[in-house]
C-alpha atoms as a PDB file:
ATOM      1  CA  MET A   1      13.490  15.130  -9.367  1.00  0.00           C
ATOM      2  CA  ASN A   2      14.669  11.857  -9.074  1.00  0.00           C
ATOM      3  CA  ILE A   3      11.253   9.856 -10.001  1.00  0.00           C
ATOM      4  CA  GLY A   4      13.203   6.322  -9.022  1.00  0.00           C
ATOM      5  CA  ASN A   5      14.733   7.526  -6.087  1.00  0.00           C
ATOM      6  CA  GLU A   6      11.279   9.087  -4.868  1.00  0.00           C
ATOM      7  CA  PHE A   7       9.405   5.824  -5.841  1.00  0.00           C
ATOM      8  CA  LEU A   8      11.468   3.585  -3.415  1.00  0.00           C
ATOM      9  CA  ILE A   9      12.005   6.504  -0.675  1.00  0.00           C
ATOM     10  CA  SER A  10       7.842   6.247  -0.577  1.00  0.00           C
ATOM     11  CA  VAL A  11       7.804   2.349  -0.631  1.00  0.00           C
ATOM     12  CA  ILE A  12       9.915   2.226   1.958  1.00  0.00           C
ATOM     13  CA  LYS A  13       7.725   4.963   4.088  1.00  0.00           C
ATOM     14  CA  ARG A  14       4.698   2.969   3.311  1.00  0.00           C
ATOM     15  CA  LEU A  15       5.663  -0.215   4.320  1.00  0.00           C
ATOM     16  CA  SER A  16       7.179   1.056   7.626  1.00  0.00           C
ATOM     17  CA  TYR A  17       3.797   2.633   8.335  1.00  0.00           C
ATOM     18  CA  TYR A  18       2.014  -0.852   8.027  1.00  0.00           C
ATOM     19  CA  LYS A  19       4.998  -2.457   9.878  1.00  0.00           C
ATOM     20  CA  GLU A  20       4.673   0.116  12.755  1.00  0.00           C
ATOM     21  CA  LEU A  21       0.728  -0.803  12.888  1.00  0.00           C
ATOM     22  CA  GLY A  22       1.553  -4.424  13.378  1.00  0.00           C
ATOM     23  CA  ASP A  23       4.104  -3.085  16.243  1.00  0.00           C
ATOM     24  CA  LYS A  24       1.632  -1.422  17.306  1.00  0.00           C
ATOM     25  CA  THR A  25      -1.295  -3.912  17.910  1.00  0.00           C
ATOM     26  CA  PHE A  26       1.511  -6.934  18.853  1.00  0.00           C
ATOM     27  CA  VAL A  27       1.864  -4.356  22.692  1.00  0.00           C
ATOM     28  CA  GLN A  28      -1.709  -5.167  23.174  1.00  0.00           C
ATOM     29  CA  LEU A  29      -1.646  -8.610  22.891  1.00  0.00           C
ATOM     30  CA  ASN A  30      -0.471 -11.474  24.815  1.00  0.00           C
ATOM     31  CA  ASP A  31       0.464 -15.004  24.062  1.00  0.00           C
ATOM     32  CA  ALA A  32      -2.703 -16.662  23.781  1.00  0.00           C
ATOM     33  CA  ASP A  33      -4.044 -13.881  22.058  1.00  0.00           C
ATOM     34  CA  CYS A  34      -1.706 -14.201  19.067  1.00  0.00           C
ATOM     35  CA  HIS A  35      -3.139 -17.657  18.667  1.00  0.00           C
ATOM     36  CA  PHE A  36      -6.636 -16.828  18.759  1.00  0.00           C
ATOM     37  CA  ARG A  37      -8.937 -17.949  15.345  1.00  0.00           C
ATOM     38  CA  PRO A  38     -12.365 -16.235  15.329  1.00  0.00           C
ATOM     39  CA  ASN A  39     -13.444 -19.925  13.195  1.00  0.00           C
ATOM     40  CA  GLU A  40     -12.116 -22.801  11.731  1.00  0.00           C
ATOM     41  CA  SER A  41     -11.734 -21.296   8.461  1.00  0.00           C
ATOM     42  CA  SER A  42      -9.654 -18.335   9.923  1.00  0.00           C
ATOM     43  CA  ASN A  43      -6.117 -17.797  10.266  1.00  0.00           C
ATOM     44  CA  SER A  44      -4.604 -16.537  13.973  1.00  0.00           C
ATOM     45  CA  ILE A  45      -2.560 -13.992  13.790  1.00  0.00           C
ATOM     46  CA  ALA A  46       0.473 -16.168  14.819  1.00  0.00           C
ATOM     47  CA  ILE A  47      -0.332 -17.873  11.502  1.00  0.00           C
ATOM     48  CA  ILE A  48      -0.552 -14.715   9.791  1.00  0.00           C
ATOM     49  CA  ILE A  49       2.736 -13.677  11.323  1.00  0.00           C
ATOM     50  CA  GLN A  50       4.493 -17.059   9.750  1.00  0.00           C
ATOM     51  CA  HIS A  51       3.022 -16.340   6.495  1.00  0.00           C
ATOM     52  CA  MET A  52       4.135 -12.558   6.247  1.00  0.00           C
ATOM     53  CA  SER A  53       7.844 -13.646   7.483  1.00  0.00           C
ATOM     54  CA  GLY A  54       7.906 -16.596   5.251  1.00  0.00           C
ATOM     55  CA  ASN A  55       6.531 -14.927   2.177  1.00  0.00           C
ATOM     56  CA  MET A  56       8.948 -11.873   2.877  1.00  0.00           C
ATOM     57  CA  LEU A  57      11.887 -14.028   3.734  1.00  0.00           C
ATOM     58  CA  SER A  58      11.439 -15.896   0.455  1.00  0.00           C
ATOM     59  CA  ARG A  59      10.706 -13.275  -1.812  1.00  0.00           C
ATOM     60  CA  TRP A  60      13.735 -10.496  -0.487  1.00  0.00           C
ATOM     61  CA  THR A  61      16.907 -12.732  -0.189  1.00  0.00           C
ATOM     62  CA  ASP A  62      18.380 -12.191  -3.181  1.00  0.00           C
ATOM     63  CA  PHE A  63      15.706 -10.311  -4.564  1.00  0.00           C
ATOM     64  CA  LEU A  64      18.038  -9.372  -8.173  1.00  0.00           C
ATOM     65  CA  THR A  65      19.426 -12.552  -8.674  1.00  0.00           C
ATOM     66  CA  SER A  66      17.438 -15.732  -7.415  1.00  0.00           C
ATOM     67  CA  ASP A  67      13.362 -16.794  -8.086  1.00  0.00           C
ATOM     68  CA  GLY A  68      11.304 -15.270  -4.880  1.00  0.00           C
ATOM     69  CA  GLU A  69       9.880 -18.654  -4.422  1.00  0.00           C
ATOM     70  CA  LYS A  70      13.405 -20.244  -2.968  1.00  0.00           C
ATOM     71  CA  GLU A  71      13.080 -23.906  -2.580  1.00  0.00           C
ATOM     72  CA  TRP A  72      13.915 -23.645   1.078  1.00  0.00           C
ATOM     73  CA  ARG A  73      10.781 -21.769   1.308  1.00  0.00           C
ATOM     74  CA  ASN A  74       7.352 -24.203   2.349  1.00  0.00           C
ATOM     75  CA  ARG A  75       4.651 -22.248   2.134  1.00  0.00           C
ATOM     76  CA  ASP A  76       2.288 -24.823   3.625  1.00  0.00           C
ATOM     77  CA  SER A  77       3.482 -25.108   7.134  1.00  0.00           C
ATOM     78  CA  GLU A  78       3.515 -21.471   7.472  1.00  0.00           C
ATOM     79  CA  PHE A  79      -0.477 -21.982   7.828  1.00  0.00           C
ATOM     80  CA  GLU A  80       0.421 -25.010  10.283  1.00  0.00           C
ATOM     81  CA  ILE A  81      -1.118 -24.166  13.744  1.00  0.00           C
ATOM     82  CA  THR A  82       2.402 -23.631  16.191  1.00  0.00           C
ATOM     83  CA  HIS A  83       3.061 -22.960  19.952  1.00  0.00           C
ATOM     84  CA  TYR A  84       5.387 -20.071  19.500  1.00  0.00           C
ATOM     85  CA  THR A  85       5.474 -17.639  22.062  1.00  0.00           C
ATOM     86  CA  LYS A  86       4.899 -14.116  21.186  1.00  0.00           C
ATOM     87  CA  PRO A  87       8.244 -13.167  21.258  1.00  0.00           C
ATOM     88  CA  GLN A  88       8.876 -15.880  18.965  1.00  0.00           C
ATOM     89  CA  LEU A  89       6.698 -14.262  16.793  1.00  0.00           C
ATOM     90  CA  LEU A  90       7.521 -11.307  17.225  1.00  0.00           C
ATOM     91  CA  ASP A  91      11.696 -12.689  15.902  1.00  0.00           C
ATOM     92  CA  LEU A  92       9.590 -14.162  13.180  1.00  0.00           C
ATOM     93  CA  TRP A  93       7.882 -10.456  12.347  1.00  0.00           C
ATOM     94  CA  GLU A  94      11.422  -8.749  12.844  1.00  0.00           C
ATOM     95  CA  LYS A  95      13.078 -11.189  10.775  1.00  0.00           C
ATOM     96  CA  GLY A  96      10.592 -10.660   7.763  1.00  0.00           C
ATOM     97  CA  TRP A  97      10.503  -7.287   7.797  1.00  0.00           C
ATOM     98  CA  ASP A  98      14.212  -6.609   8.077  1.00  0.00           C
ATOM     99  CA  CYS A  99      14.644  -8.591   5.101  1.00  0.00           C
ATOM    100  CA  CYS A 100      12.565  -6.977   3.044  1.00  0.00           C
ATOM    101  CA  LEU A 101      13.039  -3.628   4.262  1.00  0.00           C
ATOM    102  CA  THR A 102      16.785  -4.081   4.168  1.00  0.00           C
ATOM    103  CA  SER A 103      16.707  -5.288   0.682  1.00  0.00           C
ATOM    104  CA  ILE A 104      14.917  -2.181  -0.577  1.00  0.00           C
ATOM    105  CA  LYS A 105      16.767   0.455   0.934  1.00  0.00           C
ATOM    106  CA  ASN A 106      19.938  -1.434  -1.421  1.00  0.00           C
ATOM    107  CA  LEU A 107      17.969  -0.947  -4.647  1.00  0.00           C
ATOM    108  CA  SER A 108      18.597   2.139  -7.481  1.00  0.00           C
ATOM    109  CA  GLU A 109      16.532   3.479  -9.252  1.00  0.00           C
ATOM    110  CA  ASN A 110      19.048   1.572 -12.182  1.00  0.00           C
ATOM    111  CA  ASP A 111      17.181  -1.531 -10.755  1.00  0.00           C
ATOM    112  CA  LEU A 112      13.241  -0.730 -10.664  1.00  0.00           C
ATOM    113  CA  LEU A 113      13.073  -1.559 -14.394  1.00  0.00           C
ATOM    114  CA  LYS A 114      15.232  -5.090 -13.966  1.00  0.00           C
ATOM    115  CA  THR A 115      13.316  -8.516 -14.737  1.00  0.00           C
ATOM    116  CA  ILE A 116      13.366 -10.488 -11.419  1.00  0.00           C
ATOM    117  CA  TYR A 117      11.477 -14.173 -10.953  1.00  0.00           C
ATOM    118  CA  ILE A 118       8.700 -15.229  -8.450  1.00  0.00           C
ATOM    119  CA  ARG A 119       7.397 -18.923  -9.154  1.00  0.00           C
ATOM    120  CA  SER A 120       9.090 -18.753 -12.460  1.00  0.00           C
ATOM    121  CA  GLU A 121       6.999 -15.494 -13.379  1.00  0.00           C
ATOM    122  CA  PRO A 122       9.026 -12.626 -14.723  1.00  0.00           C
ATOM    123  CA  LEU A 123       8.147  -9.532 -13.300  1.00  0.00           C
ATOM    124  CA  VAL A 124       9.702  -5.503 -13.464  1.00  0.00           C
ATOM    125  CA  VAL A 125      10.738  -4.850 -10.131  1.00  0.00           C
ATOM    126  CA  ILE A 126       8.343  -1.944  -9.889  1.00  0.00           C
ATOM    127  CA  ASP A 127       5.693  -4.747  -9.751  1.00  0.00           C
ATOM    128  CA  ALA A 128       7.520  -6.882  -7.682  1.00  0.00           C
ATOM    129  CA  ILE A 129       7.299  -4.053  -5.034  1.00  0.00           C
ATOM    130  CA  ASN A 130       3.670  -3.048  -5.906  1.00  0.00           C
ATOM    131  CA  ARG A 131       2.730  -6.600  -5.120  1.00  0.00           C
ATOM    132  CA  GLN A 132       4.420  -6.353  -1.838  1.00  0.00           C
ATOM    133  CA  LEU A 133       2.914  -3.224  -1.315  1.00  0.00           C
ATOM    134  CA  ALA A 134      -0.951  -4.799  -1.652  1.00  0.00           C
ATOM    135  CA  HIS A 135       0.009  -8.015   0.136  1.00  0.00           C
ATOM    136  CA  LEU A 136       1.859  -7.127   3.285  1.00  0.00           C
ATOM    137  CA  PRO A 137      -0.864  -4.301   3.994  1.00  0.00           C
ATOM    138  CA  TYR A 138      -3.525  -6.779   3.242  1.00  0.00           C
ATOM    139  CA  HIS A 139      -2.323  -9.186   6.208  1.00  0.00           C
ATOM    140  CA  THR A 140      -1.761  -6.326   8.319  1.00  0.00           C
ATOM    141  CA  GLY A 141      -5.140  -5.392   7.984  1.00  0.00           C
ATOM    142  CA  GLN A 142      -6.357  -9.022   9.154  1.00  0.00           C
ATOM    143  CA  ILE A 143      -4.370  -8.704  12.072  1.00  0.00           C
ATOM    144  CA  ILE A 144      -5.383  -5.812  13.843  1.00  0.00           C
ATOM    145  CA  TYR A 145      -9.049  -6.645  12.537  1.00  0.00           C
ATOM    146  CA  ILE A 146      -8.224  -9.814  14.991  1.00  0.00           C
ATOM    147  CA  ALA A 147      -6.618  -8.260  17.290  1.00  0.00           C
ATOM    148  CA  LYS A 148      -9.754  -5.287  17.732  1.00  0.00           C
ATOM    149  CA  ILE A 149     -12.138  -8.612  17.883  1.00  0.00           C
ATOM    150  CA  ILE A 150      -9.700  -9.722  20.871  1.00  0.00           C
ATOM    151  CA  THR A 151      -9.403  -6.900  23.138  1.00  0.00           C
ATOM    152  CA  ASP A 152     -12.779  -5.609  22.288  1.00  0.00           C
ATOM    153  CA  THR A 153     -13.177  -2.102  23.991  1.00  0.00           C
ATOM    154  CA  LYS A 154      -9.923  -2.636  25.183  1.00  0.00           C
ATOM    155  CA  TRP A 155      -8.473  -1.625  21.967  1.00  0.00           C
ATOM    156  CA  GLN A 156      -6.182   1.246  21.581  1.00  0.00           C
ATOM    157  CA  ASN A 157      -6.595   3.114  18.419  1.00  0.00           C
ATOM    158  CA  LEU A 158      -4.102   3.083  15.951  1.00  0.00           C
ATOM    159  CA  SER A 159      -5.429   5.732  13.888  1.00  0.00           C
ATOM    160  CA  ILE A 160      -8.350   8.659  13.910  1.00  0.00           C
ATOM    161  CA  PRO A 161     -10.846   7.589  16.688  1.00  0.00           C
ATOM    162  CA  ARG A 162     -14.614   7.375  15.340  1.00  0.00           C
ATOM    163  CA  GLY A 163     -15.797  10.901  16.049  1.00  0.00           C
ATOM    164  CA  LYS A 164     -12.434  12.638  16.147  1.00  0.00           C
ATOM    165  CA  SER A 165     -11.839  13.050  12.110  1.00  0.00           C
ATOM    166  CA  GLU A 166     -13.271  17.164  12.516  1.00  0.00           C
ATOM    167  CA  GLN A 167     -10.542  17.758  15.513  1.00  0.00           C
ATOM    168  CA  PHE A 168      -7.341  15.739  13.871  1.00  0.00           C
ATOM    169  CA  ASN A 169      -7.982  17.731  10.447  1.00  0.00           C
ATOM    170  CA  LEU A 170      -8.248  20.792  12.123  1.00  0.00           C
ATOM    171  CA  ASN A 171      -4.749  20.143  14.141  1.00  0.00           C
ATOM    172  CA  MET A 172      -2.840  18.773  10.594  1.00  0.00           C
ATOM    173  CA  LYS A 173      -3.751  22.422   9.130  1.00  0.00           C
ATOM    174  CA  ASN A 174      -2.992  24.089  12.478  1.00  0.00           C
ATOM    175  CA  ASN A 175       0.941  22.244  12.524  1.00  0.00           C
ATOM    176  CA  LYS A 176       0.998  23.271   9.063  1.00  0.00           C
ATOM    177  CA  GLN A 177       0.793  26.498   9.684  1.00  0.00           C
END
């Protein structure tokens, strides 16, 4: 077994899962929903998408050869209220994820112990990947939580519905046989 390649396959699988959760969430929202803020100190889904996209584009563009905090990135502007339409926000979402996932797919086992930099801080590639495995699901969870607040009883569950765990586990067990 090649542990480095297995790690990269696992990373792509996990990140793709969280992207898919976001994709399934956006289907349930309209333009106005994307700009809803639960309160003044909270971010909207639009702001979270702007930040995630900016982060992914900065971190994964020329990943092995340039600092992950690009000079062209304006992180503070990612948290400004915009009037992007839902299609524009989804375009930002896709561009960020495409950059991230494509870069990871292009890595080899030999790259995993190389040193890269983020804000001039040296990191082993594995650590930089693990940072994204924490950062991106964190924000995807925020998006889902805000969407659940907005949609309330119309929310379409993305996981195992309440009270259905036993049935889900039984189905999983039966599908393995």
